[in-house]
């Protein structure tokens, strides 16, 4: 039951992360001026300060929340005790689809490997696609290594996304000539990361409790 609760927490975190990654990150009273997290990767490049390099911006930080959440979803079967065959196949496939959707558009993808504007996007998308296809083998990883991977994905996506948002928000304030709110997508995505980390804590706590009970039994 404890392992099931950890896998449900991870699944919840992954779904919240996926929804939050594409939901509004830049909010405004005018609906047309609201921008989603994933859309910030493309829209932010049009700022003159970003294009000139005057305002350094890690644009790939807007891709990582979606990609890391997709990988967390692919890892749900690895932390489940007896996942159904459909789940084992479907979740990695969904993660692979998410990776494919983040590839550079045609025809930019043909030259993305040598174009600084799209190179990072190409590398992240193809790397995520490869990891999604390999994720069924994650069940063979030692539990601590698997937990470390989940924590790294959750924290890595969280930090990268928040840094990118902090860098781009002043540019939107200047563009809109007024206050800019933080969209509900950021909250949903951050809660997703917290749930994923909570699944790691739960698994470690249960593992520690199991070891303690085994040691107590052996002493008897």
N, C-alpha and C. Protein backbone atom coordinates (compact mmCIF):
# COMPACT_ATOMS: atom_id res chain seq x y z
N UNK A 1 0.83 -1.20 0.00
CA UNK A 1 0.00 0.00 0.00
C UNK A 1 0.87 1.26 0.00
N UNK A 2 1.98 1.22 0.76
CA UNK A 2 2.86 2.38 0.84
C UNK A 2 3.52 2.66 -0.50
N UNK A 3 3.91 1.57 -1.19
CA UNK A 3 4.53 1.75 -2.50
C UNK A 3 3.51 2.31 -3.49
N UNK A 4 2.27 1.89 -3.35
CA UNK A 4 1.22 2.41 -4.23
C UNK A 4 1.01 3.89 -3.99
N UNK A 5 1.03 4.31 -2.72
CA UNK A 5 0.83 5.73 -2.43
C UNK A 5 1.97 6.57 -3.00
N UNK A 6 3.19 6.02 -2.98
CA UNK A 6 4.33 6.75 -3.55
C UNK A 6 4.18 6.88 -5.06
N UNK A 7 3.73 5.82 -5.72
CA UNK A 7 3.55 5.88 -7.17
C UNK A 7 2.41 6.81 -7.54
N UNK A 8 1.35 6.84 -6.73
CA UNK A 8 0.25 7.76 -6.99
C UNK A 8 0.69 9.21 -6.81
N UNK A 9 1.52 9.45 -5.80
CA UNK A 9 2.07 10.80 -5.60
C UNK A 9 2.89 11.24 -6.80
N UNK A 10 3.72 10.32 -7.31
CA UNK A 10 4.55 10.64 -8.47
C UNK A 10 3.68 10.89 -9.70
N UNK A 11 2.66 10.06 -9.89
CA UNK A 11 1.75 10.26 -11.03
C UNK A 11 1.03 11.59 -10.92
N UNK A 12 0.57 11.92 -9.72
CA UNK A 12 -0.10 13.20 -9.51
C UNK A 12 0.86 14.36 -9.81
N UNK A 13 2.09 14.23 -9.32
CA UNK A 13 3.08 15.27 -9.57
C UNK A 13 3.37 15.46 -11.04
N UNK A 14 3.48 14.34 -11.76
CA UNK A 14 3.78 14.42 -13.19
C UNK A 14 2.63 15.08 -13.96
N UNK A 15 1.40 14.70 -13.63
CA UNK A 15 0.24 15.28 -14.32
C UNK A 15 0.11 16.77 -14.01
N UNK A 16 0.26 17.14 -12.73
CA UNK A 16 0.23 18.55 -12.37
C UNK A 16 1.34 19.32 -13.09
N UNK A 17 2.51 18.70 -13.18
CA UNK A 17 3.63 19.35 -13.86
C UNK A 17 3.35 19.57 -15.33
N UNK A 18 2.78 18.57 -15.99
CA UNK A 18 2.47 18.70 -17.42
C UNK A 18 1.43 19.79 -17.66
N UNK A 19 0.39 19.80 -16.83
CA UNK A 19 -0.65 20.82 -16.98
C UNK A 19 -0.08 22.21 -16.70
N UNK A 20 0.67 22.31 -15.61
CA UNK A 20 1.24 23.60 -15.25
C UNK A 20 2.25 24.12 -16.25
N UNK A 21 2.96 23.22 -16.92
CA UNK A 21 3.99 23.64 -17.87
C UNK A 21 3.42 24.35 -19.08
N UNK A 22 2.20 24.02 -19.46
CA UNK A 22 1.59 24.65 -20.64
C UNK A 22 0.53 25.69 -20.25
N UNK A 23 0.15 25.73 -18.99
CA UNK A 23 -0.84 26.70 -18.51
C UNK A 23 -0.20 28.09 -18.39
N UNK A 24 -1.00 29.13 -18.11
CA UNK A 24 -0.46 30.50 -18.03
C UNK A 24 0.63 30.67 -16.98
N UNK A 25 1.72 31.29 -17.41
CA UNK A 25 2.79 31.67 -16.49
C UNK A 25 2.84 33.19 -16.34
N UNK A 26 2.59 33.88 -17.42
CA UNK A 26 2.49 35.34 -17.38
C UNK A 26 1.00 35.67 -17.48
N UNK A 27 0.45 36.22 -16.40
CA UNK A 27 -0.98 36.52 -16.41
C UNK A 27 -1.22 38.02 -16.54
N UNK A 28 -2.35 38.35 -17.13
CA UNK A 28 -2.73 39.75 -17.33
C UNK A 28 -4.24 39.84 -17.33
N UNK A 29 -4.75 41.02 -16.98
CA UNK A 29 -6.21 41.20 -16.97
C UNK A 29 -6.80 40.98 -18.36
N UNK A 30 -6.04 41.34 -19.38
CA UNK A 30 -6.48 41.08 -20.76
C UNK A 30 -6.06 39.66 -21.14
N UNK A 31 -7.03 38.81 -21.42
CA UNK A 31 -6.74 37.40 -21.69
C UNK A 31 -5.76 37.22 -22.84
N UNK A 32 -5.81 38.12 -23.82
CA UNK A 32 -4.93 38.00 -24.97
C UNK A 32 -3.47 38.24 -24.65
N UNK A 33 -3.18 38.82 -23.49
CA UNK A 33 -1.80 39.10 -23.09
C UNK A 33 -1.26 38.06 -22.13
N UNK A 34 -2.04 37.04 -21.86
CA UNK A 34 -1.58 35.94 -21.01
C UNK A 34 -0.73 34.98 -21.84
N UNK A 35 0.38 34.53 -21.26
CA UNK A 35 1.31 33.66 -22.00
C UNK A 35 1.56 32.39 -21.19
N UNK A 36 1.47 31.24 -21.85
CA UNK A 36 1.73 29.96 -21.20
C UNK A 36 3.21 29.71 -21.01
N UNK A 37 3.52 28.83 -20.08
CA UNK A 37 4.92 28.55 -19.78
C UNK A 37 5.70 28.03 -20.98
N UNK A 38 5.16 27.02 -21.65
CA UNK A 38 5.84 26.46 -22.82
C UNK A 38 5.95 27.49 -23.94
N UNK A 39 4.94 28.34 -24.10
CA UNK A 39 4.95 29.36 -25.15
C UNK A 39 6.00 30.43 -24.91
N UNK A 40 6.43 30.58 -23.67
CA UNK A 40 7.45 31.59 -23.37
C UNK A 40 8.77 31.29 -24.06
N UNK A 41 9.03 30.02 -24.35
CA UNK A 41 10.27 29.68 -25.04
C UNK A 41 10.34 30.37 -26.39
N UNK A 42 9.24 30.37 -27.12
CA UNK A 42 9.22 30.97 -28.46
C UNK A 42 9.01 32.48 -28.39
N UNK A 43 8.06 32.92 -27.56
CA UNK A 43 7.72 34.35 -27.56
C UNK A 43 8.82 35.22 -26.98
N UNK A 44 9.58 34.69 -26.03
CA UNK A 44 10.61 35.51 -25.37
C UNK A 44 11.76 35.87 -26.29
N UNK A 45 11.95 35.11 -27.37
CA UNK A 45 13.09 35.40 -28.25
C UNK A 45 12.88 36.67 -29.07
N UNK A 46 11.65 37.18 -29.10
CA UNK A 46 11.37 38.37 -29.90
C UNK A 46 11.66 39.67 -29.16
N UNK A 47 11.97 39.58 -27.88
CA UNK A 47 12.36 40.79 -27.16
C UNK A 47 13.69 41.30 -27.71
N UNK A 48 13.77 42.57 -28.08
CA UNK A 48 15.05 43.11 -28.61
C UNK A 48 16.21 42.90 -27.64
N UNK A 49 15.95 43.03 -26.34
CA UNK A 49 17.02 42.87 -25.35
C UNK A 49 17.54 41.44 -25.33
N UNK A 50 16.66 40.47 -25.58
CA UNK A 50 17.07 39.07 -25.62
C UNK A 50 17.85 38.78 -26.89
N UNK A 51 17.37 39.30 -28.01
CA UNK A 51 18.04 39.06 -29.29
C UNK A 51 19.42 39.68 -29.33
N UNK A 52 19.57 40.84 -28.68
CA UNK A 52 20.88 41.51 -28.68
C UNK A 52 21.82 40.96 -27.63
N UNK A 53 21.28 40.19 -26.68
CA UNK A 53 22.10 39.66 -25.60
C UNK A 53 22.20 40.59 -24.42
N UNK A 54 21.53 41.74 -24.48
CA UNK A 54 21.57 42.68 -23.36
C UNK A 54 20.87 42.12 -22.13
N UNK A 55 19.85 41.30 -22.35
CA UNK A 55 19.14 40.65 -21.25
C UNK A 55 19.34 39.15 -21.35
N UNK A 56 20.32 38.60 -20.63
CA UNK A 56 20.57 37.16 -20.71
C UNK A 56 19.36 36.36 -20.25
N UNK A 57 18.99 35.37 -21.04
CA UNK A 57 17.80 34.57 -20.72
C UNK A 57 18.05 33.13 -21.12
N UNK A 58 17.87 32.22 -20.18
CA UNK A 58 17.98 30.79 -20.45
C UNK A 58 16.63 30.32 -20.96
N UNK A 59 16.39 30.48 -22.26
CA UNK A 59 15.08 30.18 -22.84
C UNK A 59 14.70 28.71 -22.68
N UNK A 60 15.69 27.82 -22.70
CA UNK A 60 15.40 26.40 -22.55
C UNK A 60 14.76 26.08 -21.20
N UNK A 61 14.89 27.02 -20.26
CA UNK A 61 14.25 26.82 -18.96
C UNK A 61 12.74 26.72 -19.06
N UNK A 62 12.16 27.22 -20.15
CA UNK A 62 10.71 27.11 -20.35
C UNK A 62 10.32 25.78 -20.97
N UNK A 63 11.29 25.04 -21.49
CA UNK A 63 11.03 23.71 -22.03
C UNK A 63 11.15 22.64 -20.95
N UNK A 64 12.07 22.86 -20.01
CA UNK A 64 12.37 21.83 -19.02
C UNK A 64 11.18 21.42 -18.14
N UNK A 65 10.31 22.34 -17.72
CA UNK A 65 9.16 21.89 -16.92
C UNK A 65 8.31 20.84 -17.64
N UNK A 66 8.08 21.03 -18.93
CA UNK A 66 7.29 20.05 -19.69
C UNK A 66 8.06 18.74 -19.86
N UNK A 67 9.34 18.85 -20.20
CA UNK A 67 10.13 17.65 -20.49
C UNK A 67 10.42 16.85 -19.23
N UNK A 68 10.76 17.52 -18.13
CA UNK A 68 11.03 16.78 -16.89
C UNK A 68 9.75 16.15 -16.35
N UNK A 69 8.63 16.84 -16.49
CA UNK A 69 7.35 16.26 -16.05
C UNK A 69 6.99 15.04 -16.88
N UNK A 70 7.30 15.10 -18.18
CA UNK A 70 7.04 13.94 -19.05
C UNK A 70 7.88 12.74 -18.61
N UNK A 71 9.14 12.99 -18.26
CA UNK A 71 10.00 11.90 -17.80
C UNK A 71 9.53 11.35 -16.45
N UNK A 72 9.06 12.22 -15.58
CA UNK A 72 8.52 11.75 -14.30
C UNK A 72 7.32 10.84 -14.54
N UNK A 73 6.50 11.20 -15.52
CA UNK A 73 5.36 10.34 -15.86
C UNK A 73 5.83 8.99 -16.37
N UNK A 74 6.89 8.99 -17.17
CA UNK A 74 7.42 7.73 -17.71
C UNK A 74 8.00 6.85 -16.61
N UNK A 75 8.42 7.44 -15.49
CA UNK A 75 9.03 6.68 -14.40
C UNK A 75 8.01 6.13 -13.40
N UNK A 76 6.75 6.50 -13.55
CA UNK A 76 5.73 6.01 -12.62
C UNK A 76 5.69 4.48 -12.56
N UNK A 77 5.72 3.77 -13.69
CA UNK A 77 5.72 2.30 -13.60
C UNK A 77 6.92 1.73 -12.85
N UNK A 78 8.05 2.46 -12.88
CA UNK A 78 9.26 1.96 -12.23
C UNK A 78 9.14 1.96 -10.72
N UNK A 79 8.29 2.82 -10.17
CA UNK A 79 8.14 2.87 -8.71
C UNK A 79 6.86 2.16 -8.26
N UNK A 80 6.14 1.59 -9.19
CA UNK A 80 4.92 0.85 -8.85
C UNK A 80 5.24 -0.62 -8.62
N UNK A 81 4.52 -1.24 -7.71
CA UNK A 81 4.79 -2.64 -7.38
C UNK A 81 4.46 -3.56 -8.55
N UNK A 82 3.26 -3.49 -9.05
CA UNK A 82 2.84 -4.34 -10.17
C UNK A 82 2.02 -3.51 -11.17
N UNK A 83 2.68 -2.68 -11.94
CA UNK A 83 1.93 -1.84 -12.88
C UNK A 83 1.34 -2.67 -14.01
N UNK A 84 0.11 -2.40 -14.41
CA UNK A 84 -0.48 -3.12 -15.55
C UNK A 84 0.35 -2.91 -16.81
N UNK A 85 0.27 -3.86 -17.71
CA UNK A 85 1.05 -3.77 -18.95
C UNK A 85 0.70 -2.51 -19.73
N UNK A 86 -0.57 -2.13 -19.72
CA UNK A 86 -0.99 -0.92 -20.45
C UNK A 86 -0.29 0.31 -19.89
N UNK A 87 -0.19 0.38 -18.57
CA UNK A 87 0.48 1.52 -17.93
C UNK A 87 1.96 1.53 -18.27
N UNK A 88 2.59 0.36 -18.25
CA UNK A 88 4.02 0.26 -18.55
C UNK A 88 4.33 0.73 -19.97
N UNK A 89 3.40 0.55 -20.86
CA UNK A 89 3.63 0.94 -22.25
C UNK A 89 3.12 2.35 -22.56
N UNK A 90 1.99 2.71 -21.94
CA UNK A 90 1.35 3.98 -22.28
C UNK A 90 2.12 5.18 -21.76
N UNK A 91 2.56 5.13 -20.49
CA UNK A 91 3.19 6.32 -19.91
C UNK A 91 4.51 6.68 -20.58
N UNK A 92 5.42 5.72 -20.85
CA UNK A 92 6.62 6.09 -21.62
C UNK A 92 6.28 6.60 -23.02
N UNK A 93 5.22 6.04 -23.62
CA UNK A 93 4.82 6.51 -24.96
C UNK A 93 4.34 7.95 -24.90
N UNK A 94 3.59 8.31 -23.86
CA UNK A 94 3.14 9.69 -23.71
C UNK A 94 4.31 10.63 -23.51
N UNK A 95 5.30 10.19 -22.74
CA UNK A 95 6.50 11.01 -22.55
C UNK A 95 7.25 11.20 -23.86
N UNK A 96 7.31 10.16 -24.66
CA UNK A 96 7.98 10.26 -25.96
C UNK A 96 7.23 11.23 -26.88
N UNK A 97 5.90 11.19 -26.84
CA UNK A 97 5.11 12.12 -27.65
C UNK A 97 5.37 13.56 -27.22
N UNK A 98 5.45 13.79 -25.90
CA UNK A 98 5.74 15.14 -25.40
C UNK A 98 7.10 15.62 -25.91
N UNK A 99 8.07 14.71 -25.93
CA UNK A 99 9.40 15.08 -26.44
C UNK A 99 9.34 15.42 -27.92
N UNK A 100 8.60 14.65 -28.68
CA UNK A 100 8.47 14.90 -30.12
C UNK A 100 7.80 16.25 -30.39
N UNK A 101 6.84 16.61 -29.54
CA UNK A 101 6.12 17.87 -29.72
C UNK A 101 7.00 19.08 -29.43
N UNK A 102 8.09 18.89 -28.70
CA UNK A 102 8.97 20.01 -28.37
C UNK A 102 10.14 20.14 -29.33
N UNK A 103 10.20 19.29 -30.34
CA UNK A 103 11.26 19.42 -31.34
C UNK A 103 11.10 20.74 -32.10
N UNK A 104 12.19 21.30 -32.61
CA UNK A 104 12.08 22.54 -33.40
C UNK A 104 11.16 22.33 -34.60
N UNK A 105 10.47 23.37 -35.02
CA UNK A 105 9.55 23.24 -36.15
C UNK A 105 10.30 23.06 -37.47
N UNK A 106 9.57 22.55 -38.44
CA UNK A 106 10.12 22.43 -39.80
C UNK A 106 10.01 23.79 -40.48
N UNK A 107 11.01 24.27 -41.21
CA UNK A 107 12.25 23.58 -41.59
C UNK A 107 13.43 23.85 -40.65
N UNK A 108 13.17 24.57 -39.52
CA UNK A 108 14.27 24.91 -38.62
C UNK A 108 14.97 23.67 -38.08
N UNK A 109 14.22 22.56 -37.95
CA UNK A 109 14.81 21.34 -37.39
C UNK A 109 15.94 20.80 -38.27
N UNK A 110 15.90 21.11 -39.56
CA UNK A 110 16.91 20.59 -40.48
C UNK A 110 18.29 21.18 -40.20
N UNK A 111 18.33 22.38 -39.67
CA UNK A 111 19.61 23.04 -39.38
C UNK A 111 19.76 23.36 -37.90
N UNK A 112 18.88 22.79 -37.06
CA UNK A 112 18.88 23.12 -35.63
C UNK A 112 20.19 22.76 -34.95
N UNK A 113 20.87 21.73 -35.43
CA UNK A 113 22.10 21.28 -34.76
C UNK A 113 23.21 22.32 -34.85
N UNK A 114 23.13 23.25 -35.80
CA UNK A 114 24.15 24.29 -35.91
C UNK A 114 23.59 25.70 -35.73
N UNK A 115 22.34 25.78 -35.31
CA UNK A 115 21.69 27.06 -35.08
C UNK A 115 21.56 27.29 -33.57
N UNK A 116 22.25 28.30 -33.01
CA UNK A 116 22.20 28.53 -31.56
C UNK A 116 20.78 28.76 -31.05
N UNK A 117 19.89 29.24 -31.91
CA UNK A 117 18.53 29.53 -31.49
C UNK A 117 17.74 28.26 -31.20
N UNK A 118 18.08 27.17 -31.88
CA UNK A 118 17.32 25.93 -31.76
C UNK A 118 18.14 24.74 -31.26
N UNK A 119 19.45 24.92 -31.12
CA UNK A 119 20.30 23.78 -30.75
C UNK A 119 19.91 23.20 -29.39
N UNK A 120 19.74 24.08 -28.41
CA UNK A 120 19.37 23.61 -27.08
C UNK A 120 18.04 22.89 -27.08
N UNK A 121 17.08 23.41 -27.83
CA UNK A 121 15.77 22.77 -27.94
C UNK A 121 15.89 21.38 -28.55
N UNK A 122 16.70 21.26 -29.60
CA UNK A 122 16.90 19.97 -30.25
C UNK A 122 17.53 18.96 -29.30
N UNK A 123 18.56 19.39 -28.57
CA UNK A 123 19.25 18.48 -27.65
C UNK A 123 18.34 18.03 -26.52
N UNK A 124 17.59 18.96 -25.94
CA UNK A 124 16.70 18.59 -24.84
C UNK A 124 15.59 17.66 -25.30
N UNK A 125 15.01 17.95 -26.46
CA UNK A 125 13.91 17.11 -26.96
C UNK A 125 14.39 15.71 -27.31
N UNK A 126 15.52 15.61 -28.01
CA UNK A 126 16.02 14.28 -28.38
C UNK A 126 16.50 13.52 -27.16
N UNK A 127 17.12 14.22 -26.20
CA UNK A 127 17.54 13.55 -24.97
C UNK A 127 16.36 13.02 -24.18
N UNK A 128 15.30 13.80 -24.10
CA UNK A 128 14.08 13.35 -23.41
C UNK A 128 13.45 12.17 -24.13
N UNK A 129 13.44 12.22 -25.46
CA UNK A 129 12.88 11.12 -26.24
C UNK A 129 13.64 9.83 -25.96
N UNK A 130 14.97 9.91 -25.93
CA UNK A 130 15.79 8.73 -25.67
C UNK A 130 15.54 8.19 -24.27
N UNK A 131 15.49 9.08 -23.28
CA UNK A 131 15.26 8.64 -21.90
C UNK A 131 13.86 8.06 -21.73
N UNK A 132 12.88 8.62 -22.43
CA UNK A 132 11.52 8.08 -22.35
C UNK A 132 11.47 6.66 -22.90
N UNK A 133 12.19 6.42 -23.99
CA UNK A 133 12.21 5.08 -24.58
C UNK A 133 12.95 4.08 -23.69
N UNK A 134 13.92 4.58 -22.92
CA UNK A 134 14.69 3.71 -22.02
C UNK A 134 14.05 3.57 -20.64
N UNK A 135 13.03 4.36 -20.35
CA UNK A 135 12.46 4.39 -19.00
C UNK A 135 11.92 3.04 -18.51
N UNK A 136 11.43 2.13 -19.38
CA UNK A 136 10.99 0.83 -18.85
C UNK A 136 12.10 0.06 -18.15
N UNK A 137 13.35 0.35 -18.47
CA UNK A 137 14.47 -0.32 -17.81
C UNK A 137 14.78 0.27 -16.44
N UNK A 138 14.11 1.37 -16.09
CA UNK A 138 14.40 2.03 -14.82
C UNK A 138 14.03 1.16 -13.62
N UNK A 139 13.17 0.17 -13.81
CA UNK A 139 12.81 -0.74 -12.71
C UNK A 139 14.01 -1.53 -12.21
N UNK A 140 15.03 -1.66 -13.06
CA UNK A 140 16.23 -2.41 -12.67
C UNK A 140 17.22 -1.56 -11.88
N UNK A 141 16.98 -0.27 -11.81
CA UNK A 141 17.91 0.60 -11.09
C UNK A 141 17.79 0.37 -9.58
N UNK A 142 18.90 0.55 -8.83
CA UNK A 142 18.80 0.50 -7.38
C UNK A 142 17.83 1.57 -6.89
N UNK A 143 17.07 1.28 -5.84
CA UNK A 143 16.05 2.23 -5.37
C UNK A 143 16.59 3.63 -5.10
N UNK A 144 17.77 3.72 -4.49
CA UNK A 144 18.31 5.04 -4.17
C UNK A 144 18.68 5.81 -5.44
N UNK A 145 19.18 5.10 -6.44
CA UNK A 145 19.52 5.75 -7.70
C UNK A 145 18.26 6.24 -8.41
N UNK A 146 17.22 5.43 -8.37
CA UNK A 146 15.95 5.82 -8.98
C UNK A 146 15.36 7.03 -8.26
N UNK A 147 15.41 7.01 -6.94
CA UNK A 147 14.91 8.16 -6.17
C UNK A 147 15.73 9.41 -6.48
N UNK A 148 17.04 9.24 -6.61
CA UNK A 148 17.89 10.38 -6.95
C UNK A 148 17.56 10.96 -8.32
N UNK A 149 17.24 10.09 -9.26
CA UNK A 149 16.87 10.53 -10.60
C UNK A 149 15.56 11.32 -10.57
N UNK A 150 14.59 10.82 -9.82
CA UNK A 150 13.30 11.52 -9.70
C UNK A 150 13.49 12.88 -9.05
N UNK A 151 14.27 12.92 -7.97
CA UNK A 151 14.52 14.19 -7.28
C UNK A 151 15.26 15.17 -8.19
N UNK A 152 16.23 14.67 -8.95
CA UNK A 152 16.99 15.55 -9.85
C UNK A 152 16.10 16.13 -10.94
N UNK A 153 15.20 15.33 -11.48
CA UNK A 153 14.28 15.82 -12.51
C UNK A 153 13.35 16.89 -11.95
N UNK A 154 12.80 16.62 -10.76
CA UNK A 154 11.87 17.58 -10.16
C UNK A 154 12.57 18.88 -9.79
N UNK A 155 13.71 18.79 -9.13
CA UNK A 155 14.43 19.99 -8.71
C UNK A 155 15.04 20.72 -9.90
N UNK A 156 15.58 19.96 -10.86
CA UNK A 156 16.19 20.59 -12.03
C UNK A 156 15.18 21.39 -12.83
N UNK A 157 14.02 20.80 -13.08
CA UNK A 157 12.98 21.53 -13.80
C UNK A 157 12.47 22.72 -13.03
N UNK A 158 12.34 22.56 -11.71
CA UNK A 158 11.84 23.64 -10.86
C UNK A 158 12.78 24.84 -10.87
N UNK A 159 14.05 24.60 -10.63
CA UNK A 159 15.02 25.69 -10.58
C UNK A 159 15.16 26.38 -11.93
N UNK A 160 15.30 25.59 -13.00
CA UNK A 160 15.48 26.16 -14.33
C UNK A 160 14.27 27.01 -14.73
N UNK A 161 13.07 26.51 -14.48
CA UNK A 161 11.87 27.24 -14.85
C UNK A 161 11.70 28.53 -14.06
N UNK A 162 11.96 28.47 -12.75
CA UNK A 162 11.80 29.67 -11.93
C UNK A 162 12.84 30.73 -12.28
N UNK A 163 14.06 30.30 -12.57
CA UNK A 163 15.10 31.26 -12.97
C UNK A 163 14.71 31.93 -14.28
N UNK A 164 14.26 31.14 -15.25
CA UNK A 164 13.86 31.71 -16.55
C UNK A 164 12.69 32.67 -16.38
N UNK A 165 11.72 32.32 -15.52
CA UNK A 165 10.58 33.19 -15.29
C UNK A 165 11.02 34.51 -14.65
N UNK A 166 11.91 34.41 -13.67
CA UNK A 166 12.41 35.62 -13.01
C UNK A 166 13.15 36.53 -13.99
N UNK A 167 13.81 35.94 -14.98
CA UNK A 167 14.54 36.73 -15.96
C UNK A 167 13.62 37.39 -16.98
N UNK A 168 12.55 36.71 -17.37
CA UNK A 168 11.70 37.23 -18.44
C UNK A 168 10.59 38.15 -17.93
N UNK A 169 10.19 38.01 -16.69
CA UNK A 169 9.06 38.78 -16.17
C UNK A 169 9.28 40.29 -16.27
N UNK A 170 10.46 40.82 -15.92
CA UNK A 170 10.67 42.27 -16.07
C UNK A 170 10.50 42.75 -17.51
N UNK A 171 10.81 41.91 -18.47
CA UNK A 171 10.65 42.29 -19.88
C UNK A 171 9.17 42.44 -20.24
N UNK A 172 8.33 41.57 -19.68
CA UNK A 172 6.89 41.69 -19.93
C UNK A 172 6.29 42.88 -19.20
N UNK A 173 6.81 43.19 -18.02
CA UNK A 173 6.35 44.37 -17.29
C UNK A 173 6.63 45.63 -18.11
N UNK A 174 7.82 45.68 -18.69
CA UNK A 174 8.17 46.82 -19.54
C UNK A 174 7.34 46.85 -20.82
N UNK A 175 7.11 45.68 -21.41
CA UNK A 175 6.33 45.60 -22.65
C UNK A 175 4.88 46.02 -22.43
N UNK A 176 4.27 45.54 -21.35
CA UNK A 176 2.87 45.84 -21.08
C UNK A 176 2.69 47.19 -20.38
N UNK A 177 3.81 47.76 -19.95
CA UNK A 177 3.79 49.06 -19.26
C UNK A 177 2.84 49.02 -18.06
N UNK A 178 2.97 47.96 -17.29
CA UNK A 178 2.12 47.79 -16.13
C UNK A 178 2.44 46.51 -15.40
N UNK A 179 1.78 46.26 -14.28
CA UNK A 179 2.06 45.05 -13.50
C UNK A 179 1.69 43.78 -14.26
N UNK A 180 2.46 42.75 -14.00
CA UNK A 180 2.24 41.44 -14.62
C UNK A 180 2.17 40.40 -13.51
N UNK A 181 1.14 39.60 -13.53
CA UNK A 181 0.97 38.59 -12.50
C UNK A 181 1.65 37.28 -12.86
N UNK A 182 1.79 36.42 -11.87
CA UNK A 182 2.30 35.06 -12.08
C UNK A 182 1.11 34.14 -12.28
N UNK A 183 1.07 33.46 -13.41
CA UNK A 183 -0.08 32.64 -13.76
C UNK A 183 -0.24 31.41 -12.88
N UNK A 184 -1.45 30.84 -12.91
CA UNK A 184 -1.73 29.67 -12.08
C UNK A 184 -0.95 28.45 -12.55
N UNK A 185 -0.46 28.48 -13.77
CA UNK A 185 0.35 27.36 -14.25
C UNK A 185 1.61 27.16 -13.43
N UNK A 186 2.20 28.26 -12.97
CA UNK A 186 3.41 28.16 -12.15
C UNK A 186 3.10 27.45 -10.84
N UNK A 187 1.96 27.78 -10.25
CA UNK A 187 1.56 27.15 -8.98
C UNK A 187 1.31 25.66 -9.18
N UNK A 188 0.57 25.32 -10.23
CA UNK A 188 0.28 23.91 -10.50
C UNK A 188 1.55 23.12 -10.74
N UNK A 189 2.45 23.72 -11.51
CA UNK A 189 3.70 23.03 -11.82
C UNK A 189 4.58 22.87 -10.58
N UNK A 190 4.66 23.92 -9.74
CA UNK A 190 5.45 23.83 -8.51
C UNK A 190 4.87 22.77 -7.57
N UNK A 191 3.55 22.70 -7.49
CA UNK A 191 2.92 21.66 -6.67
C UNK A 191 3.23 20.27 -7.22
N UNK A 192 3.30 20.17 -8.55
CA UNK A 192 3.67 18.89 -9.16
C UNK A 192 5.08 18.47 -8.77
N UNK A 193 6.00 19.42 -8.79
CA UNK A 193 7.37 19.11 -8.37
C UNK A 193 7.41 18.70 -6.91
N UNK A 194 6.63 19.38 -6.08
CA UNK A 194 6.58 19.04 -4.65
C UNK A 194 6.02 17.64 -4.45
N UNK A 195 5.00 17.27 -5.22
CA UNK A 195 4.43 15.93 -5.11
C UNK A 195 5.44 14.87 -5.53
N UNK A 196 6.20 15.14 -6.58
CA UNK A 196 7.23 14.19 -7.03
C UNK A 196 8.29 14.01 -5.95
N UNK A 197 8.71 15.11 -5.34
CA UNK A 197 9.68 15.01 -4.25
C UNK A 197 9.07 14.30 -3.05
N UNK A 198 7.78 14.53 -2.82
CA UNK A 198 7.10 13.83 -1.73
C UNK A 198 7.07 12.33 -1.94
N UNK A 199 6.97 11.90 -3.19
CA UNK A 199 6.98 10.45 -3.46
C UNK A 199 8.34 9.85 -3.11
N UNK A 200 9.40 10.61 -3.35
CA UNK A 200 10.75 10.14 -3.00
C UNK A 200 10.89 10.02 -1.49
N UNK A 201 10.41 11.04 -0.78
CA UNK A 201 10.49 11.02 0.68
C UNK A 201 9.69 9.86 1.25
N UNK A 202 8.52 9.62 0.68
CA UNK A 202 7.66 8.53 1.15
C UNK A 202 8.34 7.18 0.93
N UNK A 203 8.95 6.99 -0.24
CA UNK A 203 9.62 5.72 -0.53
C UNK A 203 10.80 5.50 0.41
N UNK A 204 11.56 6.56 0.68
CA UNK A 204 12.71 6.43 1.58
C UNK A 204 12.26 6.17 3.01
N UNK A 205 11.19 6.81 3.42
CA UNK A 205 10.68 6.58 4.78
C UNK A 205 10.21 5.14 4.94
N UNK A 206 9.49 4.64 3.95
CA UNK A 206 9.00 3.26 4.00
C UNK A 206 10.15 2.27 3.96
N UNK A 207 11.18 2.61 3.14
CA UNK A 207 12.35 1.74 3.05
C UNK A 207 13.09 1.69 4.38
N UNK A 208 13.22 2.86 5.03
CA UNK A 208 13.88 2.90 6.33
C UNK A 208 13.10 2.13 7.38
N UNK A 209 11.78 2.24 7.34
CA UNK A 209 10.94 1.51 8.30
C UNK A 209 11.06 0.00 8.08
N UNK A 210 11.14 -0.42 6.82
CA UNK A 210 11.28 -1.85 6.52
C UNK A 210 12.61 -2.38 7.02
N UNK A 211 13.69 -1.61 6.83
CA UNK A 211 15.00 -2.04 7.29
C UNK A 211 15.03 -2.15 8.81
N UNK A 212 14.37 -1.20 9.48
CA UNK A 212 14.33 -1.23 10.95
C UNK A 212 13.60 -2.47 11.45
N UNK A 213 12.47 -2.79 10.81
CA UNK A 213 11.71 -3.96 11.23
C UNK A 213 12.48 -5.25 10.98
N UNK A 214 13.23 -5.29 9.86
CA UNK A 214 14.03 -6.48 9.55
C UNK A 214 15.14 -6.64 10.57
N UNK A 215 15.81 -5.55 10.94
CA UNK A 215 16.89 -5.61 11.93
C UNK A 215 16.35 -6.03 13.29
N UNK A 216 15.17 -5.52 13.64
CA UNK A 216 14.58 -5.90 14.93
C UNK A 216 14.24 -7.38 14.96
N UNK A 217 13.74 -7.88 13.85
CA UNK A 217 13.37 -9.30 13.79
C UNK A 217 14.61 -10.18 13.85
N UNK A 218 15.71 -9.75 13.24
CA UNK A 218 16.93 -10.56 13.23
C UNK A 218 17.56 -10.62 14.62
N UNK A 219 17.38 -9.57 15.42
CA UNK A 219 17.95 -9.57 16.77
C UNK A 219 17.22 -10.53 17.69
N UNK A 220 15.96 -10.79 17.36
CA UNK A 220 15.20 -11.72 18.18
C UNK A 220 15.64 -13.16 17.94
